[in-house]
Full PDB file with SEQRES, HELIX, SHEET, SSBOND, CRYST1, ORIGX, SCALE, CONECT and MASTER records, all heavy atoms in Angstrom:
SEQRES   1 A   41  SER VAL THR GLY VAL ASP GLU VAL LEU CYS PHE ASP GLU          
SEQRES   2 A   41  ASP ARG ILE VAL MET ARG THR VAL LYS GLY GLU LEU THR          
SEQRES   3 A   41  VAL VAL GLY GLU GLY LEU HIS ILE GLY LYS LEU SER LEU          
SEQRES   4 A   41  ASP THR                                                      
SHEET    1 AA1 3 VAL A   5  PHE A  11  0                                        
SHEET    2 AA1 3 ARG A  15  THR A  20 -1                                        
SHEET    3 AA1 3 GLY A  23  VAL A  28 -1                                        
CRYST1    1.000    1.000    1.000  90.00  90.00  90.00 P 1           1          
ORIGX1      1.000000  0.000000  0.000000        0.00000                         
ORIGX2      0.000000  1.000000  0.000000        0.00000                         
ORIGX3      0.000000  0.000000  1.000000        0.00000                         
SCALE1      1.000000  0.000000  0.000000        0.00000                         
SCALE2      0.000000  1.000000  0.000000        0.00000                         
SCALE3      0.000000  0.000000  1.000000        0.00000                         
ATOM      1  N   SER A   1       0.855  -1.178   0.000  1.00  0.00           N  
ATOM      2  CA  SER A   1       0.000   0.000   0.000  1.00  0.00           C  
ATOM      3  C   SER A   1       0.891   1.228   0.000  1.00  0.00           C  
ATOM      4  O   SER A   1       1.797   1.341   0.822  1.00  0.00           O  
ATOM      5  CB  SER A   1      -0.890  -0.020   1.242  1.00  0.00           C  
ATOM      6  OG  SER A   1      -1.648   1.160   1.315  1.00  0.00           O  
ATOM      7  N   VAL A   2       0.651   2.137  -0.941  1.00  0.00           N  
ATOM      8  CA  VAL A   2       1.460   3.348  -1.072  1.00  0.00           C  
ATOM      9  C   VAL A   2       0.516   4.545  -1.093  1.00  0.00           C  
ATOM     10  O   VAL A   2      -0.486   4.535  -1.807  1.00  0.00           O  
ATOM     11  CB  VAL A   2       2.296   3.333  -2.373  1.00  0.00           C  
ATOM     12  CG1 VAL A   2       3.184   4.560  -2.454  1.00  0.00           C  
ATOM     13  CG2 VAL A   2       3.124   2.065  -2.475  1.00  0.00           C  
ATOM     14  N   THR A   3       0.842   5.587  -0.320  1.00  0.00           N  
ATOM     15  CA  THR A   3       0.111   6.842  -0.401  1.00  0.00           C  
ATOM     16  C   THR A   3       1.067   7.923  -0.892  1.00  0.00           C  
ATOM     17  O   THR A   3       2.277   7.757  -0.852  1.00  0.00           O  
ATOM     18  CB  THR A   3      -0.490   7.254   0.958  1.00  0.00           C  
ATOM     19  OG1 THR A   3       0.574   7.458   1.894  1.00  0.00           O  
ATOM     20  CG2 THR A   3      -1.446   6.197   1.495  1.00  0.00           C  
ATOM     21  N   GLY A   4       0.508   9.014  -1.356  1.00  0.00           N  
ATOM     22  CA  GLY A   4       1.325  10.081  -1.907  1.00  0.00           C  
ATOM     23  C   GLY A   4       1.691   9.843  -3.360  1.00  0.00           C  
ATOM     24  O   GLY A   4       2.666  10.388  -3.858  1.00  0.00           O  
ATOM     25  N   VAL A   5       0.892   9.041  -4.068  1.00  0.00           N  
ATOM     26  CA  VAL A   5       1.145   8.719  -5.472  1.00  0.00           C  
ATOM     27  C   VAL A   5       0.525   9.805  -6.352  1.00  0.00           C  
ATOM     28  O   VAL A   5      -0.648  10.137  -6.214  1.00  0.00           O  
ATOM     29  CB  VAL A   5       0.556   7.338  -5.846  1.00  0.00           C  
ATOM     30  CG1 VAL A   5       0.737   7.048  -7.329  1.00  0.00           C  
ATOM     31  CG2 VAL A   5       1.183   6.253  -5.001  1.00  0.00           C  
ATOM     32  N   ASP A   6       1.328  10.369  -7.249  1.00  0.00           N  
ATOM     33  CA  ASP A   6       0.849  11.377  -8.188  1.00  0.00           C  
ATOM     34  C   ASP A   6       0.466  10.780  -9.534  1.00  0.00           C  
ATOM     35  O   ASP A   6      -0.470  11.233 -10.176  1.00  0.00           O  
ATOM     36  CB  ASP A   6       1.915  12.456  -8.418  1.00  0.00           C  
ATOM     37  CG  ASP A   6       2.127  13.338  -7.206  1.00  0.00           C  
ATOM     38  OD1 ASP A   6       1.172  13.556  -6.441  1.00  0.00           O  
ATOM     39  OD2 ASP A   6       3.264  13.811  -7.018  1.00  0.00           O  
ATOM     40  N   GLU A   7       1.213   9.741  -9.963  1.00  0.00           N  
ATOM     41  CA  GLU A   7       0.984   9.178 -11.293  1.00  0.00           C  
ATOM     42  C   GLU A   7       1.645   7.809 -11.401  1.00  0.00           C  
ATOM     43  O   GLU A   7       2.721   7.592 -10.857  1.00  0.00           O  
ATOM     44  CB  GLU A   7       1.607  10.119 -12.328  1.00  0.00           C  
ATOM     45  CG  GLU A   7       1.480   9.693 -13.753  1.00  0.00           C  
ATOM     46  CD  GLU A   7       2.142  10.671 -14.717  1.00  0.00           C  
ATOM     47  OE1 GLU A   7       2.847  11.599 -14.290  1.00  0.00           O  
ATOM     48  OE2 GLU A   7       1.952  10.463 -15.930  1.00  0.00           O  
ATOM     49  N   VAL A   8       0.998   6.887 -12.099  1.00  0.00           N  
ATOM     50  CA  VAL A   8       1.618   5.605 -12.442  1.00  0.00           C  
ATOM     51  C   VAL A   8       2.194   5.770 -13.844  1.00  0.00           C  
ATOM     52  O   VAL A   8       1.479   6.059 -14.793  1.00  0.00           O  
ATOM     53  CB  VAL A   8       0.603   4.445 -12.391  1.00  0.00           C  
ATOM     54  CG1 VAL A   8       1.237   3.154 -12.889  1.00  0.00           C  
ATOM     55  CG2 VAL A   8       0.066   4.261 -10.979  1.00  0.00           C  
ATOM     56  N   LEU A   9       3.512   5.627 -13.951  1.00  0.00           N  
ATOM     57  CA  LEU A   9       4.195   5.857 -15.223  1.00  0.00           C  
ATOM     58  C   LEU A   9       4.136   4.643 -16.139  1.00  0.00           C  
ATOM     59  O   LEU A   9       3.970   4.780 -17.345  1.00  0.00           O  
ATOM     60  CB  LEU A   9       5.642   6.276 -14.969  1.00  0.00           C  
ATOM     61  CG  LEU A   9       5.792   7.542 -14.114  1.00  0.00           C  
ATOM     62  CD1 LEU A   9       7.251   7.776 -13.772  1.00  0.00           C  
ATOM     63  CD2 LEU A   9       5.203   8.733 -14.827  1.00  0.00           C  
ATOM     64  N   CYS A  10       4.324   3.435 -15.583  1.00  0.00           N  
ATOM     65  CA  CYS A  10       4.197   2.208 -16.365  1.00  0.00           C  
ATOM     66  C   CYS A  10       4.029   1.035 -15.405  1.00  0.00           C  
ATOM     67  O   CYS A  10       4.388   1.121 -14.236  1.00  0.00           O  
ATOM     68  CB  CYS A  10       5.392   1.997 -17.297  1.00  0.00           C  
ATOM     69  SG  CYS A  10       6.958   1.759 -16.448  1.00  0.00           S  
ATOM     70  N   PHE A  11       3.467  -0.037 -15.929  1.00  0.00           N  
ATOM     71  CA  PHE A  11       3.309  -1.227 -15.094  1.00  0.00           C  
ATOM     72  C   PHE A  11       3.136  -2.465 -15.959  1.00  0.00           C  
ATOM     73  O   PHE A  11       2.651  -2.395 -17.082  1.00  0.00           O  
ATOM     74  CB  PHE A  11       2.118  -1.081 -14.137  1.00  0.00           C  
ATOM     75  CG  PHE A  11       0.775  -1.008 -14.813  1.00  0.00           C  
ATOM     76  CD1 PHE A  11       0.019  -2.153 -15.012  1.00  0.00           C  
ATOM     77  CD2 PHE A  11       0.275   0.201 -15.238  1.00  0.00           C  
ATOM     78  CE1 PHE A  11      -1.215  -2.086 -15.635  1.00  0.00           C  
ATOM     79  CE2 PHE A  11      -0.956   0.289 -15.862  1.00  0.00           C  
ATOM     80  CZ  PHE A  11      -1.703  -0.871 -16.061  1.00  0.00           C  
ATOM     81  N   ASP A  12       3.603  -3.582 -15.419  1.00  0.00           N  
ATOM     82  CA  ASP A  12       3.335  -4.898 -15.963  1.00  0.00           C  
ATOM     83  C   ASP A  12       3.418  -5.882 -14.804  1.00  0.00           C  
ATOM     84  O   ASP A  12       3.478  -5.468 -13.651  1.00  0.00           O  
ATOM     85  CB  ASP A  12       4.268  -5.242 -17.141  1.00  0.00           C  
ATOM     86  CG  ASP A  12       5.742  -5.234 -16.770  1.00  0.00           C  
ATOM     87  OD1 ASP A  12       6.077  -5.505 -15.599  1.00  0.00           O  
ATOM     88  OD2 ASP A  12       6.580  -4.967 -17.659  1.00  0.00           O  
ATOM     89  N   GLU A  13       3.432  -7.173 -15.075  1.00  0.00           N  
ATOM     90  CA  GLU A  13       3.429  -8.169 -14.000  1.00  0.00           C  
ATOM     91  C   GLU A  13       4.724  -8.213 -13.205  1.00  0.00           C  
ATOM     92  O   GLU A  13       4.757  -8.765 -12.113  1.00  0.00           O  
ATOM     93  CB  GLU A  13       3.127  -9.552 -14.570  1.00  0.00           C  
ATOM     94  CG  GLU A  13       1.706  -9.710 -15.029  1.00  0.00           C  
ATOM     95  CD  GLU A  13       1.401 -11.131 -15.446  1.00  0.00           C  
ATOM     96  OE1 GLU A  13       2.336 -11.934 -15.600  1.00  0.00           O  
ATOM     97  OE2 GLU A  13       0.215 -11.438 -15.608  1.00  0.00           O  
ATOM     98  N   ASP A  14       5.806  -7.636 -13.748  1.00  0.00           N  
ATOM     99  CA  ASP A  14       7.105  -7.699 -13.087  1.00  0.00           C  
ATOM    100  C   ASP A  14       7.596  -6.374 -12.528  1.00  0.00           C  
ATOM    101  O   ASP A  14       8.555  -6.339 -11.753  1.00  0.00           O  
ATOM    102  CB  ASP A  14       8.164  -8.224 -14.067  1.00  0.00           C  
ATOM    103  CG  ASP A  14       7.827  -9.609 -14.572  1.00  0.00           C  
ATOM    104  OD1 ASP A  14       7.370 -10.432 -13.766  1.00  0.00           O  
ATOM    105  OD2 ASP A  14       8.013  -9.862 -15.775  1.00  0.00           O  
ATOM    106  N   ARG A  15       6.947  -5.255 -12.919  1.00  0.00           N  
ATOM    107  CA  ARG A  15       7.463  -3.953 -12.505  1.00  0.00           C  
ATOM    108  C   ARG A  15       6.364  -2.898 -12.563  1.00  0.00           C  
ATOM    109  O   ARG A  15       5.595  -2.852 -13.516  1.00  0.00           O  
ATOM    110  CB  ARG A  15       8.605  -3.546 -13.422  1.00  0.00           C  
ATOM    111  CG  ARG A  15       9.311  -2.278 -13.041  1.00  0.00           C  
ATOM    112  CD  ARG A  15      10.528  -2.074 -13.922  1.00  0.00           C  
ATOM    113  NE  ARG A  15      10.120  -1.728 -15.265  1.00  0.00           N  
ATOM    114  CZ  ARG A  15      10.404  -0.573 -15.854  1.00  0.00           C  
ATOM    115  NH1 ARG A  15      11.124   0.316 -15.245  1.00  0.00           N  
ATOM    116  NH2 ARG A  15       9.990  -0.325 -17.073  1.00  0.00           N  
ATOM    117  N   ILE A  16       6.327  -2.039 -11.542  1.00  0.00           N  
ATOM    118  CA  ILE A  16       5.427  -0.893 -11.515  1.00  0.00           C  
ATOM    119  C   ILE A  16       6.281   0.330 -11.190  1.00  0.00           C  
ATOM    120  O   ILE A  16       7.046   0.312 -10.232  1.00  0.00           O  
ATOM    121  CB  ILE A  16       4.319  -1.057 -10.454  1.00  0.00           C  
ATOM    122  CG1 ILE A  16       3.482  -2.305 -10.751  1.00  0.00           C  
ATOM    123  CG2 ILE A  16       3.432   0.193 -10.399  1.00  0.00           C  
ATOM    124  CD1 ILE A  16       2.487  -2.663  -9.657  1.00  0.00           C  
ATOM    125  N   VAL A  17       6.165   1.373 -12.007  1.00  0.00           N  
ATOM    126  CA  VAL A  17       6.903   2.609 -11.785  1.00  0.00           C  
ATOM    127  C   VAL A  17       5.880   3.711 -11.554  1.00  0.00           C  
ATOM    128  O   VAL A  17       4.954   3.883 -12.356  1.00  0.00           O  
ATOM    129  CB  VAL A  17       7.803   2.962 -12.985  1.00  0.00           C  
ATOM    130  CG1 VAL A  17       8.570   4.249 -12.719  1.00  0.00           C  
ATOM    131  CG2 VAL A  17       8.767   1.820 -13.282  1.00  0.00           C  
ATOM    132  N   MET A  18       6.053   4.441 -10.445  1.00  0.00           N  
ATOM    133  CA  MET A  18       5.112   5.510 -10.117  1.00  0.00           C  
ATOM    134  C   MET A  18       5.859   6.752  -9.664  1.00  0.00           C  
ATOM    135  O   MET A  18       6.970   6.670  -9.146  1.00  0.00           O  
ATOM    136  CB  MET A  18       4.146   5.055  -9.029  1.00  0.00           C  
ATOM    137  CG  MET A  18       4.797   4.753  -7.690  1.00  0.00           C  
ATOM    138  SD  MET A  18       3.739   3.887  -6.555  1.00  0.00           S  
ATOM    139  CE  MET A  18       4.084   2.194  -7.024  1.00  0.00           C  
ATOM    140  N   ARG A  19       5.232   7.900  -9.875  1.00  0.00           N  
ATOM    141  CA  ARG A  19       5.780   9.159  -9.368  1.00  0.00           C  
ATOM    142  C   ARG A  19       5.052   9.460  -8.063  1.00  0.00           C  
ATOM    143  O   ARG A  19       3.823   9.476  -8.027  1.00  0.00           O  
ATOM    144  CB  ARG A  19       5.554  10.288 -10.362  1.00  0.00           C  
ATOM    145  CG  ARG A  19       6.175  11.602  -9.904  1.00  0.00           C  
ATOM    146  CD  ARG A  19       6.043  12.708 -10.921  1.00  0.00           C  
ATOM    147  NE  ARG A  19       6.621  12.325 -12.197  1.00  0.00           N  
ATOM    148  CZ  ARG A  19       5.955  12.344 -13.354  1.00  0.00           C  
ATOM    149  NH1 ARG A  19       4.709  12.718 -13.398  1.00  0.00           N  
ATOM    150  NH2 ARG A  19       6.556  11.984 -14.470  1.00  0.00           N  
ATOM    151  N   THR A  20       5.826   9.653  -6.988  1.00  0.00           N  
ATOM    152  CA  THR A  20       5.251   9.983  -5.691  1.00  0.00           C  
ATOM    153  C   THR A  20       5.726  11.372  -5.273  1.00  0.00           C  
ATOM    154  O   THR A  20       6.582  11.965  -5.929  1.00  0.00           O  
ATOM    155  CB  THR A  20       5.674   8.970  -4.600  1.00  0.00           C  
ATOM    156  OG1 THR A  20       7.037   9.205  -4.241  1.00  0.00           O  
ATOM    157  CG2 THR A  20       5.492   7.532  -5.056  1.00  0.00           C  
ATOM    158  N   VAL A  21       5.190  11.851  -4.179  1.00  0.00           N  
ATOM    159  CA  VAL A  21       5.604  13.168  -3.681  1.00  0.00           C  
ATOM    160  C   VAL A  21       7.045  13.152  -3.185  1.00  0.00           C  
ATOM    161  O   VAL A  21       7.641  14.205  -2.992  1.00  0.00           O  
ATOM    162  CB  VAL A  21       4.653  13.661  -2.567  1.00  0.00           C  
ATOM    163  CG1 VAL A  21       3.262  13.878  -3.130  1.00  0.00           C  
ATOM    164  CG2 VAL A  21       4.619  12.707  -1.395  1.00  0.00           C  
ATOM    165  N   LYS A  22       7.649  11.989  -3.007  1.00  0.00           N  
ATOM    166  CA  LYS A  22       9.032  11.857  -2.547  1.00  0.00           C  
ATOM    167  C   LYS A  22       9.977  11.324  -3.605  1.00  0.00           C  
ATOM    168  O   LYS A  22      11.106  10.955  -3.310  1.00  0.00           O  
ATOM    169  CB  LYS A  22       9.100  10.948  -1.310  1.00  0.00           C  
ATOM    170  CG  LYS A  22       8.363  11.487  -0.110  1.00  0.00           C  
ATOM    171  CD  LYS A  22       9.020  12.744   0.395  1.00  0.00           C  
ATOM    172  CE  LYS A  22       8.327  13.235   1.656  1.00  0.00           C  
ATOM    173  NZ  LYS A  22       8.909  14.470   2.145  1.00  0.00           N  
ATOM    174  N   GLY A  23       9.544  11.261  -4.859  1.00  0.00           N  
ATOM    175  CA  GLY A  23      10.405  10.787  -5.932  1.00  0.00           C  
ATOM    176  C   GLY A  23       9.765   9.637  -6.693  1.00  0.00           C  
ATOM    177  O   GLY A  23       8.664   9.185  -6.374  1.00  0.00           O  
ATOM    178  N   GLU A  24      10.472   9.164  -7.704  1.00  0.00           N  
ATOM    179  CA  GLU A  24       9.983   8.055  -8.523  1.00  0.00           C  
ATOM    180  C   GLU A  24      10.250   6.736  -7.809  1.00  0.00           C  
ATOM    181  O   GLU A  24      11.381   6.445  -7.434  1.00  0.00           O  
ATOM    182  CB  GLU A  24      10.692   8.083  -9.874  1.00  0.00           C  
ATOM    183  CG  GLU A  24      10.102   7.150 -10.887  1.00  0.00           C  
ATOM    184  CD  GLU A  24      10.737   7.340 -12.247  1.00  0.00           C  
ATOM    185  OE1 GLU A  24      10.473   8.371 -12.886  1.00  0.00           O  
ATOM    186  OE2 GLU A  24      11.522   6.443 -12.638  1.00  0.00           O  
ATOM    187  N   LEU A  25       9.205   5.954  -7.614  1.00  0.00           N  
ATOM    188  CA  LEU A  25       9.290   4.685  -6.901  1.00  0.00           C  
ATOM    189  C   LEU A  25       9.067   3.543  -7.882  1.00  0.00           C  
ATOM    190  O   LEU A  25       8.093   3.549  -8.631  1.00  0.00           O  
ATOM    191  CB  LEU A  25       8.245   4.626  -5.786  1.00  0.00           C  
ATOM    192  CG  LEU A  25       8.111   3.321  -5.011  1.00  0.00           C  
ATOM    193  CD1 LEU A  25       9.392   2.979  -4.272  1.00  0.00           C  
ATOM    194  CD2 LEU A  25       6.935   3.398  -4.056  1.00  0.00           C  
ATOM    195  N   THR A  26       9.993   2.566  -7.860  1.00  0.00           N  
ATOM    196  CA  THR A  26       9.868   1.376  -8.698  1.00  0.00           C  
ATOM    197  C   THR A  26       9.665   0.169  -7.805  1.00  0.00           C  
ATOM    198  O   THR A  26      10.400  -0.036  -6.847  1.00  0.00           O  
ATOM    199  CB  THR A  26      11.130   1.180  -9.560  1.00  0.00           C  
ATOM    200  OG1 THR A  26      11.309   2.323 -10.387  1.00  0.00           O  
ATOM    201  CG2 THR A  26      11.010  -0.058 -10.435  1.00  0.00           C  
ATOM    202  N   VAL A  27       8.639  -0.611  -8.122  1.00  0.00           N  
ATOM    203  CA  VAL A  27       8.333  -1.850  -7.413  1.00  0.00           C  
ATOM    204  C   VAL A  27       8.625  -2.986  -8.377  1.00  0.00           C  
ATOM    205  O   VAL A  27       8.121  -3.001  -9.498  1.00  0.00           O  
ATOM    206  CB  VAL A  27       6.849  -1.897  -6.983  1.00  0.00           C  
ATOM    207  CG1 VAL A  27       6.537  -3.195  -6.265  1.00  0.00           C  
ATOM    208  CG2 VAL A  27       6.488  -0.690  -6.129  1.00  0.00           C  
ATOM    209  N   VAL A  28       9.445  -3.940  -7.950  1.00  0.00           N  
ATOM    210  CA  VAL A  28       9.807  -5.087  -8.778  1.00  0.00           C  
ATOM    211  C   VAL A  28       9.322  -6.345  -8.077  1.00  0.00           C  
ATOM    212  O   VAL A  28       9.401  -6.452  -6.847  1.00  0.00           O  
ATOM    213  CB  VAL A  28      11.338  -5.151  -9.000  1.00  0.00           C  
ATOM    214  CG1 VAL A  28      11.723  -6.374  -9.819  1.00  0.00           C  
ATOM    215  CG2 VAL A  28      11.833  -3.886  -9.669  1.00  0.00           C  
ATOM    216  N   GLY A  29       8.829  -7.295  -8.845  1.00  0.00           N  
ATOM    217  CA  GLY A  29       8.359  -8.542  -8.253  1.00  0.00           C  
ATOM    218  C   GLY A  29       7.826  -9.482  -9.318  1.00  0.00           C  
ATOM    219  O   GLY A  29       8.191  -9.402 -10.492  1.00  0.00           O  
ATOM    220  N   GLU A  30       6.922 -10.369  -8.878  1.00  0.00           N  
ATOM    221  CA  GLU A  30       6.318 -11.357  -9.781  1.00  0.00           C  
ATOM    222  C   GLU A  30       4.811 -11.341  -9.592  1.00  0.00           C  
ATOM    223  O   GLU A  30       4.321 -11.232  -8.467  1.00  0.00           O  
ATOM    224  CB  GLU A  30       6.842 -12.755  -9.454  1.00  0.00           C  
ATOM    225  CG  GLU A  30       8.323 -12.927  -9.662  1.00  0.00           C  
ATOM    226  CD  GLU A  30       8.806 -14.292  -9.182  1.00  0.00           C  
ATOM    227  OE1 GLU A  30       7.971 -15.170  -8.883  1.00  0.00           O  
ATOM    228  OE2 GLU A  30      10.028 -14.468  -9.098  1.00  0.00           O  
ATOM    229  N   GLY A  31       4.090 -11.435 -10.681  1.00  0.00           N  
ATOM    230  CA  GLY A  31       2.632 -11.483 -10.614  1.00  0.00           C  
ATOM    231  C   GLY A  31       2.012 -10.233 -10.015  1.00  0.00           C  
ATOM    232  O   GLY A  31       0.981 -10.312  -9.353  1.00  0.00           O  
ATOM    233  N   LEU A  32       2.623  -9.088 -10.252  1.00  0.00           N  
ATOM    234  CA  LEU A  32       2.127  -7.841  -9.678  1.00  0.00           C  
ATOM    235  C   LEU A  32       0.886  -7.365 -10.416  1.00  0.00           C  
ATOM    236  O   LEU A  32       0.826  -7.400 -11.648  1.00  0.00           O  
ATOM    237  CB  LEU A  32       3.197  -6.749  -9.756  1.00  0.00           C  
ATOM    238  CG  LEU A  32       4.526  -7.036  -9.061  1.00  0.00           C  
ATOM    239  CD1 LEU A  32       5.494  -5.889  -9.308  1.00  0.00           C  
ATOM    240  CD2 LEU A  32       4.311  -7.238  -7.565  1.00  0.00           C  
ATOM    241  N   HIS A  33      -0.095  -6.931  -9.667  1.00  0.00           N  
ATOM    242  CA  HIS A  33      -1.238  -6.266 -10.276  1.00  0.00           C  
ATOM    243  C   HIS A  33      -1.773  -5.201  -9.328  1.00  0.00           C  
ATOM    244  O   HIS A  33      -1.666  -5.327  -8.111  1.00  0.00           O  
ATOM    245  CB  HIS A  33      -2.328  -7.255 -10.729  1.00  0.00           C  
ATOM    246  CG  HIS A  33      -3.028  -7.946  -9.627  1.00  0.00           C  
ATOM    247  ND1 HIS A  33      -2.541  -9.069  -9.013  1.00  0.00           N  
ATOM    248  CD2 HIS A  33      -4.211  -7.669  -9.016  1.00  0.00           C  
ATOM    249  CE1 HIS A  33      -3.387  -9.466  -8.075  1.00  0.00           C  
ATOM    250  NE2 HIS A  33      -4.393  -8.634  -8.042  1.00  0.00           N  
ATOM    251  N   ILE A  34      -2.289  -4.150  -9.930  1.00  0.00           N  
ATOM    252  CA  ILE A  34      -2.808  -3.022  -9.163  1.00  0.00           C  
ATOM    253  C   ILE A  34      -4.245  -3.331  -8.783  1.00  0.00           C  
ATOM    254  O   ILE A  34      -5.108  -3.485  -9.647  1.00  0.00           O  
ATOM    255  CB  ILE A  34      -2.708  -1.720  -9.980  1.00  0.00           C  
ATOM    256  CG1 ILE A  34      -1.244  -1.401 -10.272  1.00  0.00           C  
ATOM    257  CG2 ILE A  34      -3.372  -0.561  -9.240  1.00  0.00           C  
ATOM    258  CD1 ILE A  34      -1.028  -0.232 -11.204  1.00  0.00           C  
ATOM    259  N   GLY A  35      -4.481  -3.438  -7.472  1.00  0.00           N  
ATOM    260  CA  GLY A  35      -5.823  -3.739  -6.983  1.00  0.00           C  
ATOM    261  C   GLY A  35      -6.657  -2.487  -6.801  1.00  0.00           C  
ATOM    262  O   GLY A  35      -7.863  -2.497  -7.003  1.00  0.00           O  
ATOM    263  N   LYS A  36      -6.008  -1.372  -6.425  1.00  0.00           N  
ATOM    264  CA  LYS A  36      -6.711  -0.117  -6.208  1.00  0.00           C  
ATOM    265  C   LYS A  36      -5.793   1.023  -6.616  1.00  0.00           C  
ATOM    266  O   LYS A  36      -4.612   1.032  -6.291  1.00  0.00           O  
ATOM    267  CB  LYS A  36      -7.080   0.031  -4.732  1.00  0.00           C  
ATOM    268  CG  LYS A  36      -7.705   1.363  -4.380  1.00  0.00           C  
ATOM    269  CD  LYS A  36      -7.942   1.485  -2.893  1.00  0.00           C  
ATOM    270  CE  LYS A  36      -8.485   2.858  -2.544  1.00  0.00           C  
ATOM    271  NZ  LYS A  36      -8.631   3.029  -1.098  1.00  0.00           N  
ATOM    272  N   LEU A  37      -6.354   1.992  -7.320  1.00  0.00           N  
ATOM    273  CA  LEU A  37      -5.616   3.191  -7.684  1.00  0.00           C  
ATOM    274  C   LEU A  37      -6.563   4.368  -7.611  1.00  0.00           C  
ATOM    275  O   LEU A  37      -7.605   4.375  -8.264  1.00  0.00           O  
ATOM    276  CB  LEU A  37      -5.042   3.082  -9.103  1.00  0.00           C  
ATOM    277  CG  LEU A  37      -4.405   4.352  -9.669  1.00  0.00           C  
ATOM    278  CD1 LEU A  37      -3.216   4.792  -8.823  1.00  0.00           C  
ATOM    279  CD2 LEU A  37      -3.992   4.135 -11.108  1.00  0.00           C  
ATOM    280  N   SER A  38      -6.229   5.342  -6.777  1.00  0.00           N  
ATOM    281  CA  SER A  38      -7.001   6.575  -6.681  1.00  0.00           C  
ATOM    282  C   SER A  38      -6.026   7.740  -6.696  1.00  0.00           C  
ATOM    283  O   SER A  38      -5.355   8.005  -5.690  1.00  0.00           O  
ATOM    284  CB  SER A  38      -7.842   6.601  -5.402  1.00  0.00           C  
ATOM    285  OG  SER A  38      -8.464   7.866  -5.269  1.00  0.00           O  
ATOM    286  N   LEU A  39      -5.935   8.420  -7.826  1.00  0.00           N  
ATOM    287  CA  LEU A  39      -5.030   9.557  -7.914  1.00  0.00           C  
ATOM    288  C   LEU A  39      -5.592  10.769  -7.182  1.00  0.00           C  
ATOM    289  O   LEU A  39      -4.849  11.657  -6.799  1.00  0.00           O  
ATOM    290  CB  LEU A  39      -4.735   9.890  -9.375  1.00  0.00           C  
ATOM    291  CG  LEU A  39      -3.985   8.801 -10.137  1.00  0.00           C  
ATOM    292  CD1 LEU A  39      -3.767   9.202 -11.583  1.00  0.00           C  
ATOM    293  CD2 LEU A  39      -2.660   8.468  -9.473  1.00  0.00           C  
ATOM    294  N   ASP A  40      -6.905  10.796  -6.966  1.00  0.00           N  
ATOM    295  CA  ASP A  40      -7.505  11.894  -6.192  1.00  0.00           C  
ATOM    296  C   ASP A  40      -6.982  11.891  -4.761  1.00  0.00           C  
ATOM    297  O   ASP A  40      -6.661  12.932  -4.205  1.00  0.00           O  
ATOM    298  CB  ASP A  40      -9.026  11.786  -6.181  1.00  0.00           C  
ATOM    299  CG  ASP A  40      -9.634  12.043  -7.552  1.00  0.00           C  
ATOM    300  OD1 ASP A  40      -9.000  12.747  -8.357  1.00  0.00           O  
ATOM    301  OD2 ASP A  40     -10.736  11.534  -7.809  1.00  0.00           O  
ATOM    302  N   THR A  41      -6.889  10.711  -4.176  1.00  0.00           N  
ATOM    303  CA  THR A  41      -6.392  10.599  -2.797  1.00  0.00           C  
ATOM    304  C   THR A  41      -4.925  10.209  -2.741  1.00  0.00           C  
ATOM    305  O   THR A  41      -4.313  10.228  -1.683  1.00  0.00           O  
ATOM    306  CB  THR A  41      -7.215   9.566  -2.006  1.00  0.00           C  
ATOM    307  OG1 THR A  41      -7.088   8.285  -2.630  1.00  0.00           O  
ATOM    308  CG2 THR A  41      -8.674   9.972  -1.930  1.00  0.00           C  
TER     309      THR A  41                                                      
MASTER        0    0    0    0    3    0    0    6  308    1    0    4          
END                                                                             
């Protein structure tokens, strides 16, 4: 769970890259999927 997300730049099952208020965050793994995304919050 991540808060402070401004934008999701790219994603697939192995990698998600997002822009947060503290910099660009990359999540690496296997079988990744976004269950919830709210850019308003």
